[in-house]
Amino acid sequence: MAEVLLALVFTAFVVLAVVGAGLFAGKARGKSELHSQASWLATSLIHRCLEQLEGDFEAEVAVPEGTPVGPPLDSTGRFVYGVEESFIHPPEADDLKRIRVTVRWTDAQGEQTYQLSTKVSR
């Protein structure tokens, strides 16, 4: 009788462990998907900025922090972004700009941030 009870307790622990692992994997997958989407959005936004600067290096590409990404890049309305630009220069030249894109979103763990930056020259 004791062996049966022990086997039932052991089986219950195994079932709980498997269910817990499945829940953890589901959370991790969801967070990973949002992080991947934020990475893709930041890359797309950097490319937009580079295209603008290719035509006119003096163009203003900065976007205020908290701007909704919106369609077609984000149909969920979950992401907001901002673009910072600054000249990186020695005192005698303004030939190099730094572009930094920050994408923010909120998930079960709170606010998340993904940043991507690049440098572009004249």
PDB file of N, CA and C in Angstrom:
ATOM      1  N   MET A   1       0.818  -1.188   0.000  1.00  0.00           N
ATOM      2  CA  MET A   1       0.000   0.000   0.000  1.00  0.00           C
ATOM      3  C   MET A   1       0.863   1.254   0.000  1.00  0.00           C
ATOM      4  N   ALA A   2       1.920   1.234   0.795  1.00  0.00           N
ATOM      5  CA  ALA A   2       2.815   2.385   0.872  1.00  0.00           C
ATOM      6  C   ALA A   2       3.520   2.612  -0.461  1.00  0.00           C
ATOM      7  N   GLU A   3       3.809   1.504  -1.168  1.00  0.00           N
ATOM      8  CA  GLU A   3       4.476   1.636  -2.459  1.00  0.00           C
ATOM      9  C   GLU A   3       3.578   2.341  -3.469  1.00  0.00           C
ATOM     10  N   VAL A   4       2.292   2.041  -3.446  1.00  0.00           N
ATOM     11  CA  VAL A   4       1.337   2.670  -4.358  1.00  0.00           C
ATOM     12  C   VAL A   4       1.227   4.161  -4.059  1.00  0.00           C
ATOM     13  N   LEU A   5       1.136   4.507  -2.792  1.00  0.00           N
ATOM     14  CA  LEU A   5       1.054   5.913  -2.392  1.00  0.00           C
ATOM     15  C   LEU A   5       2.318   6.663  -2.798  1.00  0.00           C
ATOM     16  N   LEU A   6       3.455   6.067  -2.607  1.00  0.00           N
ATOM     17  CA  LEU A   6       4.728   6.667  -2.996  1.00  0.00           C
ATOM     18  C   LEU A   6       4.796   6.855  -4.518  1.00  0.00           C
ATOM     19  N   ALA A   7       4.321   5.876  -5.266  1.00  0.00           N
ATOM     20  CA  ALA A   7       4.303   5.987  -6.727  1.00  0.00           C
ATOM     21  C   ALA A   7       3.373   7.111  -7.174  1.00  0.00           C
ATOM     22  N   LEU A   8       2.224   7.266  -6.512  1.00  0.00           N
ATOM     23  CA  LEU A   8       1.297   8.356  -6.855  1.00  0.00           C
ATOM     24  C   LEU A   8       1.909   9.725  -6.562  1.00  0.00           C
ATOM     25  N   VAL A   9       2.569   9.856  -5.437  1.00  0.00           N
ATOM     26  CA  VAL A   9       3.220  11.133  -5.083  1.00  0.00           C
ATOM     27  C   VAL A   9       4.324  11.443  -6.094  1.00  0.00           C
ATOM     28  N   PHE A  10       5.120  10.457  -6.438  1.00  0.00           N
ATOM     29  CA  PHE A  10       6.187  10.654  -7.421  1.00  0.00           C
ATOM     30  C   PHE A  10       5.607  11.065  -8.772  1.00  0.00           C
ATOM     31  N   THR A  11       4.551  10.407  -9.208  1.00  0.00           N
ATOM     32  CA  THR A  11       3.904  10.738 -10.482  1.00  0.00           C
ATOM     33  C   THR A  11       3.346  12.156 -10.450  1.00  0.00           C
ATOM     34  N   ALA A  12       2.767  12.555  -9.333  1.00  0.00           N
ATOM     35  CA  ALA A  12       2.230  13.918  -9.214  1.00  0.00           C
ATOM     36  C   ALA A  12       3.352  14.946  -9.361  1.00  0.00           C
ATOM     37  N   PHE A  13       4.505  14.706  -8.731  1.00  0.00           N
ATOM     38  CA  PHE A  13       5.638  15.624  -8.862  1.00  0.00           C
ATOM     39  C   PHE A  13       6.140  15.691 -10.302  1.00  0.00           C
ATOM     40  N   VAL A  14       6.193  14.578 -10.970  1.00  0.00           N
ATOM     41  CA  VAL A  14       6.639  14.563 -12.370  1.00  0.00           C
ATOM     42  C   VAL A  14       5.667  15.356 -13.238  1.00  0.00           C
ATOM     43  N   VAL A  15       4.374  15.160 -13.042  1.00  0.00           N
ATOM     44  CA  VAL A  15       3.366  15.885 -13.822  1.00  0.00           C
ATOM     45  C   VAL A  15       3.483  17.381 -13.565  1.00  0.00           C
ATOM     46  N   LEU A  16       3.624  17.781 -12.304  1.00  0.00           N
ATOM     47  CA  LEU A  16       3.785  19.197 -11.978  1.00  0.00           C
ATOM     48  C   LEU A  16       5.044  19.787 -12.619  1.00  0.00           C
ATOM     49  N   ALA A  17       6.123  19.037 -12.616  1.00  0.00           N
ATOM     50  CA  ALA A  17       7.370  19.511 -13.226  1.00  0.00           C
ATOM     51  C   ALA A  17       7.204  19.711 -14.736  1.00  0.00           C
ATOM     52  N   VAL A  18       6.532  18.764 -15.396  1.00  0.00           N
ATOM     53  CA  VAL A  18       6.318  18.874 -16.841  1.00  0.00           C
ATOM     54  C   VAL A  18       5.416  20.063 -17.165  1.00  0.00           C
ATOM     55  N   VAL A  19       4.356  20.258 -16.407  1.00  0.00           N
ATOM     56  CA  VAL A  19       3.453  21.392 -16.623  1.00  0.00           C
ATOM     57  C   VAL A  19       4.193  22.708 -16.376  1.00  0.00           C
ATOM     58  N   GLY A  20       4.971  22.769 -15.313  1.00  0.00           N
ATOM     59  CA  GLY A  20       5.746  23.978 -15.012  1.00  0.00           C
ATOM     60  C   GLY A  20       6.742  24.300 -16.112  1.00  0.00           C
ATOM     61  N   ALA A  21       7.414  23.296 -16.630  1.00  0.00           N
ATOM     62  CA  ALA A  21       8.374  23.510 -17.716  1.00  0.00           C
ATOM     63  C   ALA A  21       7.662  24.017 -18.970  1.00  0.00           C
ATOM     64  N   GLY A  22       6.483  23.475 -19.241  1.00  0.00           N
ATOM     65  CA  GLY A  22       5.710  23.942 -20.395  1.00  0.00           C
ATOM     66  C   GLY A  22       5.281  25.389 -20.256  1.00  0.00           C
ATOM     67  N   LEU A  23       4.848  25.781 -19.081  1.00  0.00           N
ATOM     68  CA  LEU A  23       4.457  27.173 -18.844  1.00  0.00           C
ATOM     69  C   LEU A  23       5.652  28.105 -18.984  1.00  0.00           C
ATOM     70  N   PHE A  24       6.786  27.717 -18.427  1.00  0.00           N
ATOM     71  CA  PHE A  24       7.989  28.538 -18.532  1.00  0.00           C
ATOM     72  C   PHE A  24       8.416  28.691 -19.993  1.00  0.00           C
ATOM     73  N   ALA A  25       8.366  27.606 -20.734  1.00  0.00           N
ATOM     74  CA  ALA A  25       8.746  27.662 -22.151  1.00  0.00           C
ATOM     75  C   ALA A  25       7.801  28.568 -22.935  1.00  0.00           C
ATOM     76  N   GLY A  26       6.517  28.527 -22.620  1.00  0.00           N
ATOM     77  CA  GLY A  26       5.555  29.393 -23.296  1.00  0.00           C
ATOM     78  C   GLY A  26       5.821  30.865 -23.026  1.00  0.00           C
ATOM     79  N   LYS A  27       6.133  31.208 -21.782  1.00  0.00           N
ATOM     80  CA  LYS A  27       6.473  32.600 -21.437  1.00  0.00           C
ATOM     81  C   LYS A  27       7.727  33.048 -22.171  1.00  0.00           C
ATOM     82  N   ALA A  28       8.744  32.189 -22.159  1.00  0.00           N
ATOM     83  CA  ALA A  28      10.007  32.532 -22.803  1.00  0.00           C
ATOM     84  C   ALA A  28       9.818  32.724 -24.308  1.00  0.00           C
ATOM     85  N   ARG A  29       8.990  31.894 -24.915  1.00  0.00           N
ATOM     86  CA  ARG A  29       8.737  32.006 -26.348  1.00  0.00           C
ATOM     87  C   ARG A  29       8.049  33.321 -26.664  1.00  0.00           C
ATOM     88  N   GLY A  30       7.063  33.702 -25.850  1.00  0.00           N
ATOM     89  CA  GLY A  30       6.356  34.960 -26.064  1.00  0.00           C
ATOM     90  C   GLY A  30       7.284  36.152 -25.938  1.00  0.00           C
ATOM     91  N   LYS A  31       8.133  36.135 -24.927  1.00  0.00           N
ATOM     92  CA  LYS A  31       9.089  37.234 -24.743  1.00  0.00           C
ATOM     93  C   LYS A  31      10.090  37.269 -25.889  1.00  0.00           C
ATOM     94  N   SER A  32      10.528  36.119 -26.338  1.00  0.00           N
ATOM     95  CA  SER A  32      11.474  36.039 -27.443  1.00  0.00           C
ATOM     96  C   SER A  32      10.857  36.589 -28.731  1.00  0.00           C
ATOM     97  N   GLU A  33       9.595  36.280 -28.965  1.00  0.00           N
ATOM     98  CA  GLU A  33       8.922  36.783 -30.166  1.00  0.00           C
ATOM     99  C   GLU A  33       8.840  38.307 -30.150  1.00  0.00           C
ATOM    100  N   LEU A  34       8.507  38.904 -29.005  1.00  0.00           N
ATOM    101  CA  LEU A  34       8.437  40.358 -28.904  1.00  0.00           C
ATOM    102  C   LEU A  34       9.818  40.983 -29.089  1.00  0.00           C
ATOM    103  N   HIS A  35      10.840  40.365 -28.520  1.00  0.00           N
ATOM    104  CA  HIS A  35      12.194  40.886 -28.669  1.00  0.00           C
ATOM    105  C   HIS A  35      12.630  40.815 -30.132  1.00  0.00           C
ATOM    106  N   SER A  36      12.315  39.730 -30.810  1.00  0.00           N
ATOM    107  CA  SER A  36      12.652  39.599 -32.234  1.00  0.00           C
ATOM    108  C   SER A  36      11.926  40.648 -33.062  1.00  0.00           C
ATOM    109  N   GLN A  37      10.662  40.877 -32.758  1.00  0.00           N
ATOM    110  CA  GLN A  37       9.895  41.879 -33.493  1.00  0.00           C
ATOM    111  C   GLN A  37      10.476  43.271 -33.241  1.00  0.00           C
ATOM    112  N   ALA A  38      10.874  43.577 -32.010  1.00  0.00           N
ATOM    113  CA  ALA A  38      11.486  44.873 -31.704  1.00  0.00           C
ATOM    114  C   ALA A  38      12.803  45.041 -32.461  1.00  0.00           C
ATOM    115  N   SER A  39      13.580  43.980 -32.547  1.00  0.00           N
ATOM    116  CA  SER A  39      14.839  44.024 -33.296  1.00  0.00           C
ATOM    117  C   SER A  39      14.583  44.312 -34.767  1.00  0.00           C
ATOM    118  N   TRP A  40      13.602  43.642 -35.344  1.00  0.00           N
ATOM    119  CA  TRP A  40      13.251  43.857 -36.746  1.00  0.00           C
ATOM    120  C   TRP A  40      12.754  45.288 -36.968  1.00  0.00           C
ATOM    121  N   LEU A  41      11.928  45.801 -36.046  1.00  0.00           N
ATOM    122  CA  LEU A  41      11.431  47.175 -36.155  1.00  0.00           C
ATOM    123  C   LEU A  41      12.582  48.174 -36.101  1.00  0.00           C
ATOM    124  N   ALA A  42      13.491  47.997 -35.155  1.00  0.00           N
ATOM    125  CA  ALA A  42      14.628  48.920 -35.031  1.00  0.00           C
ATOM    126  C   ALA A  42      15.484  48.906 -36.294  1.00  0.00           C
ATOM    127  N   THR A  43      15.723  47.729 -36.838  1.00  0.00           N
ATOM    128  CA  THR A  43      16.505  47.627 -38.073  1.00  0.00           C
ATOM    129  C   THR A  43      15.794  48.327 -39.221  1.00  0.00           C
ATOM    130  N   SER A  44      14.491  48.129 -39.341  1.00  0.00           N
ATOM    131  CA  SER A  44      13.722  48.784 -40.400  1.00  0.00           C
ATOM    132  C   SER A  44      13.752  50.301 -40.258  1.00  0.00           C
ATOM    133  N   LEU A  45      13.644  50.787 -39.022  1.00  0.00           N
ATOM    134  CA  LEU A  45      13.658  52.232 -38.783  1.00  0.00           C
ATOM    135  C   LEU A  45      15.039  52.829 -39.056  1.00  0.00           C
ATOM    136  N   ILE A  46      16.101  52.104 -38.721  1.00  0.00           N
ATOM    137  CA  ILE A  46      17.460  52.561 -39.051  1.00  0.00           C
ATOM    138  C   ILE A  46      17.611  52.680 -40.565  1.00  0.00           C
ATOM    139  N   HIS A  47      17.100  51.697 -41.296  1.00  0.00           N
ATOM    140  CA  HIS A  47      17.205  51.737 -42.760  1.00  0.00           C
ATOM    141  C   HIS A  47      16.437  52.924 -43.338  1.00  0.00           C
ATOM    142  N   ARG A  48      15.289  53.244 -42.768  1.00  0.00           N
ATOM    143  CA  ARG A  48      14.548  54.433 -43.200  1.00  0.00           C
ATOM    144  C   ARG A  48      15.395  55.686 -43.028  1.00  0.00           C
ATOM    145  N   CYS A  49      16.023  55.803 -41.873  1.00  0.00           N
ATOM    146  CA  CYS A  49      16.869  56.971 -41.598  1.00  0.00           C
ATOM    147  C   CYS A  49      18.035  57.047 -42.584  1.00  0.00           C
ATOM    148  N   LEU A  50      18.670  55.914 -42.840  1.00  0.00           N
ATOM    149  CA  LEU A  50      19.802  55.890 -43.761  1.00  0.00           C
ATOM    150  C   LEU A  50      19.383  56.288 -45.170  1.00  0.00           C
ATOM    151  N   GLU A  51      18.188  55.849 -45.591  1.00  0.00           N
ATOM    152  CA  GLU A  51      17.691  56.245 -46.910  1.00  0.00           C
ATOM    153  C   GLU A  51      17.488  57.755 -46.997  1.00  0.00           C
ATOM    154  N   GLN A  52      16.943  58.350 -45.923  1.00  0.00           N
ATOM    155  CA  GLN A  52      16.753  59.801 -45.898  1.00  0.00           C
ATOM    156  C   GLN A  52      18.095  60.523 -45.960  1.00  0.00           C
ATOM    157  N   LEU A  53      19.063  60.063 -45.211  1.00  0.00           N
ATOM    158  CA  LEU A  53      20.363  60.714 -45.163  1.00  0.00           C
ATOM    159  C   LEU A  53      21.167  60.509 -46.441  1.00  0.00           C
ATOM    160  N   GLU A  54      20.883  59.437 -47.152  1.00  0.00           N
ATOM    161  CA  GLU A  54      21.562  59.192 -48.415  1.00  0.00           C
ATOM    162  C   GLU A  54      21.247  60.305 -49.420  1.00  0.00           C
ATOM    163  N   GLY A  55      19.999  60.766 -49.419  1.00  0.00           N
ATOM    164  CA  GLY A  55      19.607  61.839 -50.324  1.00  0.00           C
ATOM    165  C   GLY A  55      20.060  63.208 -49.833  1.00  0.00           C
ATOM    166  N   ASP A  56      20.054  63.422 -48.517  1.00  0.00           N
ATOM    167  CA  ASP A  56      20.417  64.714 -47.933  1.00  0.00           C
ATOM    168  C   ASP A  56      21.014  64.474 -46.552  1.00  0.00           C
ATOM    169  N   PHE A  57      22.331  64.572 -46.452  1.00  0.00           N
ATOM    170  CA  PHE A  57      23.017  64.275 -45.197  1.00  0.00           C
ATOM    171  C   PHE A  57      22.598  65.220 -44.079  1.00  0.00           C
ATOM    172  N   GLU A  58      22.143  66.401 -44.421  1.00  0.00           N
ATOM    173  CA  GLU A  58      21.721  67.383 -43.428  1.00  0.00           C
ATOM    174  C   GLU A  58      20.267  67.178 -42.979  1.00  0.00           C
ATOM    175  N   ALA A  59      19.567  66.219 -43.576  1.00  0.00           N
ATOM    176  CA  ALA A  59      18.158  65.987 -43.236  1.00  0.00           C
ATOM    177  C   ALA A  59      18.013  65.658 -41.755  1.00  0.00           C
ATOM    178  N   GLU A  60      16.913  66.091 -41.175  1.00  0.00           N
ATOM    179  CA  GLU A  60      16.601  65.824 -39.766  1.00  0.00           C
ATOM    180  C   GLU A  60      15.849  64.495 -39.703  1.00  0.00           C
ATOM    181  N   VAL A  61      16.427  63.506 -39.038  1.00  0.00           N
ATOM    182  CA  VAL A  61      15.779  62.196 -38.934  1.00  0.00           C
ATOM    183  C   VAL A  61      15.324  61.882 -37.512  1.00  0.00           C
ATOM    184  N   ALA A  62      15.568  62.801 -36.572  1.00  0.00           N
ATOM    185  CA  ALA A  62      15.175  62.566 -35.184  1.00  0.00           C
ATOM    186  C   ALA A  62      13.657  62.471 -35.058  1.00  0.00           C
ATOM    187  N   VAL A  63      13.203  61.570 -34.196  1.00  0.00           N
ATOM    188  CA  VAL A  63      11.778  61.370 -33.914  1.00  0.00           C
ATOM    189  C   VAL A  63      11.635  61.345 -32.397  1.00  0.00           C
ATOM    190  N   PRO A  64      10.644  62.069 -31.841  1.00  0.00           N
ATOM    191  CA  PRO A  64      10.497  62.094 -30.386  1.00  0.00           C
ATOM    192  C   PRO A  64      10.238  60.705 -29.795  1.00  0.00           C
ATOM    193  N   GLU A  65      10.821  60.469 -28.633  1.00  0.00           N
ATOM    194  CA  GLU A  65      10.608  59.208 -27.903  1.00  0.00           C
ATOM    195  C   GLU A  65       9.125  59.033 -27.601  1.00  0.00           C
ATOM    196  N   GLY A  66       8.626  57.822 -27.776  1.00  0.00           N
ATOM    197  CA  GLY A  66       7.226  57.536 -27.478  1.00  0.00           C
ATOM    198  C   GLY A  66       6.305  57.614 -28.682  1.00  0.00           C
ATOM    199  N   THR A  67       6.877  57.804 -29.867  1.00  0.00           N
ATOM    200  CA  THR A  67       6.078  57.845 -31.092  1.00  0.00           C
ATOM    201  C   THR A  67       5.613  56.429 -31.438  1.00  0.00           C
ATOM    202  N   PRO A  68       4.313  56.226 -31.675  1.00  0.00           N
ATOM    203  CA  PRO A  68       3.851  54.879 -32.061  1.00  0.00           C
ATOM    204  C   PRO A  68       4.476  54.457 -33.392  1.00  0.00           C
ATOM    205  N   VAL A  69       4.886  53.211 -33.495  1.00  0.00           N
ATOM    206  CA  VAL A  69       5.464  52.708 -34.742  1.00  0.00           C
ATOM    207  C   VAL A  69       4.389  52.692 -35.820  1.00  0.00           C
ATOM    208  N   GLY A  70       3.253  52.084 -35.529  1.00  0.00           N
ATOM    209  CA  GLY A  70       2.123  52.092 -36.456  1.00  0.00           C
ATOM    210  C   GLY A  70       2.323  51.221 -37.685  1.00  0.00           C
ATOM    211  N   PRO A  71       1.215  51.077 -38.452  1.00  0.00           N
ATOM    212  CA  PRO A  71       1.280  50.281 -39.684  1.00  0.00           C
ATOM    213  C   PRO A  71       2.160  50.974 -40.708  1.00  0.00           C
ATOM    214  N   PRO A  72       2.773  50.287 -41.610  1.00  0.00           N
ATOM    215  CA  PRO A  72       2.699  48.847 -41.839  1.00  0.00           C
ATOM    216  C   PRO A  72       3.685  48.046 -40.990  1.00  0.00           C
ATOM    217  N   LEU A  73       4.591  48.726 -40.268  1.00  0.00           N
ATOM    218  CA  LEU A  73       5.604  47.985 -39.511  1.00  0.00           C
ATOM    219  C   LEU A  73       5.038  47.315 -38.268  1.00  0.00           C
ATOM    220  N   ASP A  74       4.078  47.950 -37.596  1.00  0.00           N
ATOM    221  CA  ASP A  74       3.513  47.383 -36.369  1.00  0.00           C
ATOM    222  C   ASP A  74       2.000  47.505 -36.406  1.00  0.00           C
ATOM    223  N   SER A  75       1.334  46.418 -36.681  1.00  0.00           N
ATOM    224  CA  SER A  75      -0.129  46.432 -36.733  1.00  0.00           C
ATOM    225  C   SER A  75      -0.750  46.163 -35.363  1.00  0.00           C
ATOM    226  N   THR A  76       0.080  45.839 -34.357  1.00  0.00           N
ATOM    227  CA  THR A  76      -0.452  45.526 -33.033  1.00  0.00           C
ATOM    228  C   THR A  76      -0.616  46.768 -32.171  1.00  0.00           C
ATOM    229  N   GLY A  77       0.088  47.849 -32.485  1.00  0.00           N
ATOM    230  CA  GLY A  77       0.041  49.048 -31.664  1.00  0.00           C
ATOM    231  C   GLY A  77       0.785  48.899 -30.349  1.00  0.00           C
ATOM    232  N   ARG A  78       1.604  47.885 -30.249  1.00  0.00           N
ATOM    233  CA  ARG A  78       2.277  47.551 -28.997  1.00  0.00           C
ATOM    234  C   ARG A  78       3.601  48.307 -28.805  1.00  0.00           C
ATOM    235  N   PHE A  79       4.204  48.749 -29.898  1.00  0.00           N
ATOM    236  CA  PHE A  79       5.543  49.314 -29.858  1.00  0.00           C
ATOM    237  C   PHE A  79       5.534  50.823 -30.058  1.00  0.00           C
ATOM    238  N   VAL A  80       6.421  51.507 -29.337  1.00  0.00           N
ATOM    239  CA  VAL A  80       6.689  52.932 -29.553  1.00  0.00           C
ATOM    240  C   VAL A  80       8.195  53.071 -29.767  1.00  0.00           C
ATOM    241  N   TYR A  81       8.595  54.178 -30.386  1.00  0.00           N
ATOM    242  CA  TYR A  81      10.015  54.336 -30.679  1.00  0.00           C
ATOM    243  C   TYR A  81      10.428  55.791 -30.621  1.00  0.00           C
ATOM    244  N   GLY A  82      11.711  55.999 -30.718  1.00  0.00           N
ATOM    245  CA  GLY A  82      12.300  57.311 -30.825  1.00  0.00           C
ATOM    246  C   GLY A  82      13.594  57.192 -31.593  1.00  0.00           C
ATOM    247  N   VAL A  83      13.971  58.258 -32.288  1.00  0.00           N
ATOM    248  CA  VAL A  83      15.230  58.278 -33.026  1.00  0.00           C
ATOM    249  C   VAL A  83      16.024  59.494 -32.563  1.00  0.00           C
ATOM    250  N   GLU A  84      17.258  59.266 -32.156  1.00  0.00           N
ATOM    251  CA  GLU A  84      18.179  60.341 -31.797  1.00  0.00           C
ATOM    252  C   GLU A  84      19.247  60.411 -32.877  1.00  0.00           C
ATOM    253  N   GLU A  85      19.639  61.624 -33.210  1.00  0.00           N
ATOM    254  CA  GLU A  85      20.761  61.779 -34.131  1.00  0.00           C
ATOM    255  C   GLU A  85      21.702  62.832 -33.574  1.00  0.00           C
ATOM    256  N   SER A  86      22.971  62.629 -33.804  1.00  0.00           N
ATOM    257  CA  SER A  86      23.965  63.595 -33.350  1.00  0.00           C
ATOM    258  C   SER A  86      25.179  63.524 -34.263  1.00  0.00           C
ATOM    259  N   PHE A  87      25.842  64.653 -34.389  1.00  0.00           N
ATOM    260  CA  PHE A  87      27.088  64.678 -35.149  1.00  0.00           C
ATOM    261  C   PHE A  87      28.212  64.176 -34.256  1.00  0.00           C
ATOM    262  N   ILE A  88      29.062  63.346 -34.834  1.00  0.00           N
ATOM    263  CA  ILE A  88      30.275  62.883 -34.168  1.00  0.00           C
ATOM    264  C   ILE A  88      31.400  63.503 -34.982  1.00  0.00           C
ATOM    265  N   HIS A  89      32.111  64.410 -34.407  1.00  0.00           N
ATOM    266  CA  HIS A  89      33.067  65.118 -35.245  1.00  0.00           C
ATOM    267  C   HIS A  89      34.272  65.608 -34.465  1.00  0.00           C
ATOM    268  N   PRO A  90      35.378  65.683 -35.189  1.00  0.00           N
ATOM    269  CA  PRO A  90      36.468  66.482 -34.668  1.00  0.00           C
ATOM    270  C   PRO A  90      36.079  67.948 -34.861  1.00  0.00           C
ATOM    271  N   PRO A  91      36.716  68.862 -34.208  1.00  0.00           N
ATOM    272  CA  PRO A  91      36.294  70.264 -34.281  1.00  0.00           C
ATOM    273  C   PRO A  91      36.213  70.830 -35.703  1.00  0.00           C
ATOM    274  N   GLU A  92      36.956  70.313 -36.643  1.00  0.00           N
ATOM    275  CA  GLU A  92      37.007  70.918 -37.975  1.00  0.00           C
ATOM    276  C   GLU A  92      36.045  70.315 -38.999  1.00  0.00           C
ATOM    277  N   ALA A  93      35.274  69.274 -38.659  1.00  0.00           N
ATOM    278  CA  ALA A  93      34.426  68.636 -39.679  1.00  0.00           C
ATOM    279  C   ALA A  93      33.143  68.086 -39.064  1.00  0.00           C
ATOM    280  N   ASP A  94      32.074  68.110 -39.861  1.00  0.00           N
ATOM    281  CA  ASP A  94      30.797  67.491 -39.478  1.00  0.00           C
ATOM    282  C   ASP A  94      30.459  66.408 -40.494  1.00  0.00           C
ATOM    283  N   ASP A  95      31.303  65.404 -40.592  1.00  0.00           N
ATOM    284  CA  ASP A  95      31.157  64.382 -41.623  1.00  0.00           C
ATOM    285  C   ASP A  95      30.583  63.068 -41.123  1.00  0.00           C
ATOM    286  N   LEU A  96      30.295  62.959 -39.835  1.00  0.00           N
ATOM    287  CA  LEU A  96      29.863  61.685 -39.276  1.00  0.00           C
ATOM    288  C   LEU A  96      28.687  61.903 -38.327  1.00  0.00           C
ATOM    289  N   LYS A  97      27.614  61.126 -38.532  1.00  0.00           N
ATOM    290  CA  LYS A  97      26.438  61.191 -37.669  1.00  0.00           C
ATOM    291  C   LYS A  97      26.225  59.846 -36.987  1.00  0.00           C
ATOM    292  N   ARG A  98      25.723  59.908 -35.754  1.00  0.00           N
ATOM    293  CA  ARG A  98      25.289  58.698 -35.050  1.00  0.00           C
ATOM    294  C   ARG A  98      23.771  58.717 -35.029  1.00  0.00           C
ATOM    295  N   ILE A  99      23.168  57.609 -35.428  1.00  0.00           N
ATOM    296  CA  ILE A  99      21.721  57.434 -35.393  1.00  0.00           C
ATOM    297  C   ILE A  99      21.429  56.332 -34.387  1.00  0.00           C
ATOM    298  N   ARG A 100      20.563  56.629 -33.409  1.00  0.00           N
ATOM    299  CA  ARG A 100      20.194  55.632 -32.399  1.00  0.00           C
ATOM    300  C   ARG A 100      18.672  55.502 -32.375  1.00  0.00           C
ATOM    301  N   VAL A 101      18.189  54.290 -32.600  1.00  0.00           N
ATOM    302  CA  VAL A 101      16.756  53.988 -32.541  1.00  0.00           C
ATOM    303  C   VAL A 101      16.482  53.228 -31.251  1.00  0.00           C
ATOM    304  N   THR A 102      15.474  53.681 -30.515  1.00  0.00           N
ATOM    305  CA  THR A 102      15.045  53.005 -29.293  1.00  0.00           C
ATOM    306  C   THR A 102      13.609  52.548 -29.483  1.00  0.00           C
ATOM    307  N   VAL A 103      13.363  51.253 -29.323  1.00  0.00           N
ATOM    308  CA  VAL A 103      12.022  50.682 -29.430  1.00  0.00           C
ATOM    309  C   VAL A 103      11.620  50.210 -28.033  1.00  0.00           C
ATOM    310  N   ARG A 104      10.412  50.585 -27.611  1.00  0.00           N
ATOM    311  CA  ARG A 104       9.907  50.193 -26.282  1.00  0.00           C
ATOM    312  C   ARG A 104       8.568  49.466 -26.435  1.00  0.00           C
ATOM    313  N   TRP A 105       8.329  48.554 -25.510  1.00  0.00           N
ATOM    314  CA  TRP A 105       7.062  47.841 -25.437  1.00  0.00           C
ATOM    315  C   TRP A 105       6.883  47.339 -24.016  1.00  0.00           C
ATOM    316  N   THR A 106       5.682  46.937 -23.685  1.00  0.00           N
ATOM    317  CA  THR A 106       5.391  46.414 -22.352  1.00  0.00           C
ATOM    318  C   THR A 106       4.921  44.976 -22.474  1.00  0.00           C
ATOM    319  N   ASP A 107       5.472  44.123 -21.624  1.00  0.00           N
ATOM    320  CA  ASP A 107       5.016  42.737 -21.564  1.00  0.00           C
ATOM    321  C   ASP A 107       4.743  42.386 -20.102  1.00  0.00           C
ATOM    322  N   ALA A 108       4.608  41.117 -19.804  1.00  0.00           N
ATOM    323  CA  ALA A 108       4.258  40.682 -18.446  1.00  0.00           C
ATOM    324  C   ALA A 108       5.318  41.074 -17.415  1.00  0.00           C
ATOM    325  N   GLN A 109       6.558  41.246 -17.842  1.00  0.00           N
ATOM    326  CA  GLN A 109       7.616  41.620 -16.918  1.00  0.00           C
ATOM    327  C   GLN A 109       7.789  43.137 -16.801  1.00  0.00           C
ATOM    328  N   GLY A 110       6.975  43.917 -17.482  1.00  0.00           N
ATOM    329  CA  GLY A 110       7.082  45.373 -17.416  1.00  0.00           C
ATOM    330  C   GLY A 110       7.591  45.963 -18.717  1.00  0.00           C
ATOM    331  N   GLU A 111       8.105  47.202 -18.639  1.00  0.00           N
ATOM    332  CA  GLU A 111       8.569  47.875 -19.852  1.00  0.00           C
ATOM    333  C   GLU A 111       9.900  47.289 -20.321  1.00  0.00           C
ATOM    334  N   GLN A 112       9.993  47.063 -21.614  1.00  0.00           N
ATOM    335  CA  GLN A 112      11.197  46.513 -22.230  1.00  0.00           C
ATOM    336  C   GLN A 112      11.730  47.526 -23.245  1.00  0.00           C
ATOM    337  N   THR A 113      13.027  47.495 -23.473  1.00  0.00           N
ATOM    338  CA  THR A 113      13.677  48.431 -24.389  1.00  0.00           C
ATOM    339  C   THR A 113      14.658  47.686 -25.274  1.00  0.00           C
ATOM    340  N   TYR A 114      14.678  48.078 -26.547  1.00  0.00           N
ATOM    341  CA  TYR A 114      15.675  47.561 -27.488  1.00  0.00           C
ATOM    342  C   TYR A 114      16.280  48.760 -28.196  1.00  0.00           C
ATOM    343  N   GLN A 115      17.607  48.873 -28.180  1.00  0.00           N
ATOM    344  CA  GLN A 115      18.279  49.989 -28.845  1.00  0.00           C
ATOM    345  C   GLN A 115      19.209  49.469 -29.927  1.00  0.00           C
ATOM    346  N   LEU A 116      19.262  50.242 -31.013  1.00  0.00           N
ATOM    347  CA  LEU A 116      20.149  49.916 -32.127  1.00  0.00           C
ATOM    348  C   LEU A 116      20.720  51.228 -32.616  1.00  0.00           C
ATOM    349  N   SER A 117      22.031  51.262 -32.847  1.00  0.00           N
ATOM    350  CA  SER A 117      22.629  52.501 -33.343  1.00  0.00           C
ATOM    351  C   SER A 117      23.605  52.191 -34.465  1.00  0.00           C
ATOM    352  N   THR A 118      23.860  53.206 -35.264  1.00  0.00           N
ATOM    353  CA  THR A 118      24.803  53.094 -36.358  1.00  0.00           C
ATOM    354  C   THR A 118      25.434  54.455 -36.585  1.00  0.00           C
ATOM    355  N   LYS A 119      26.490  54.460 -37.339  1.00  0.00           N
ATOM    356  CA  LYS A 119      27.159  55.698 -37.724  1.00  0.00           C
ATOM    357  C   LYS A 119      27.103  55.793 -39.247  1.00  0.00           C
ATOM    358  N   VAL A 120      26.936  56.997 -39.738  1.00  0.00           N
ATOM    359  CA  VAL A 120      26.869  57.211 -41.174  1.00  0.00           C
ATOM    360  C   VAL A 120      27.717  58.434 -41.509  1.00  0.00           C
ATOM    361  N   SER A 121      28.442  58.332 -42.612  1.00  0.00           N
ATOM    362  CA  SER A 121      29.291  59.448 -43.017  1.00  0.00           C
ATOM    363  C   SER A 121      28.789  60.032 -44.325  1.00  0.00           C
ATOM    364  N   ARG A 122      29.222  61.237 -44.567  1.00  0.00           N
ATOM    365  CA  ARG A 122      28.855  61.960 -45.801  1.00  0.00           C
ATOM    366  C   ARG A 122      29.249  61.205 -47.019  1.00  0.00           C
TER     367      ARG A 122
END
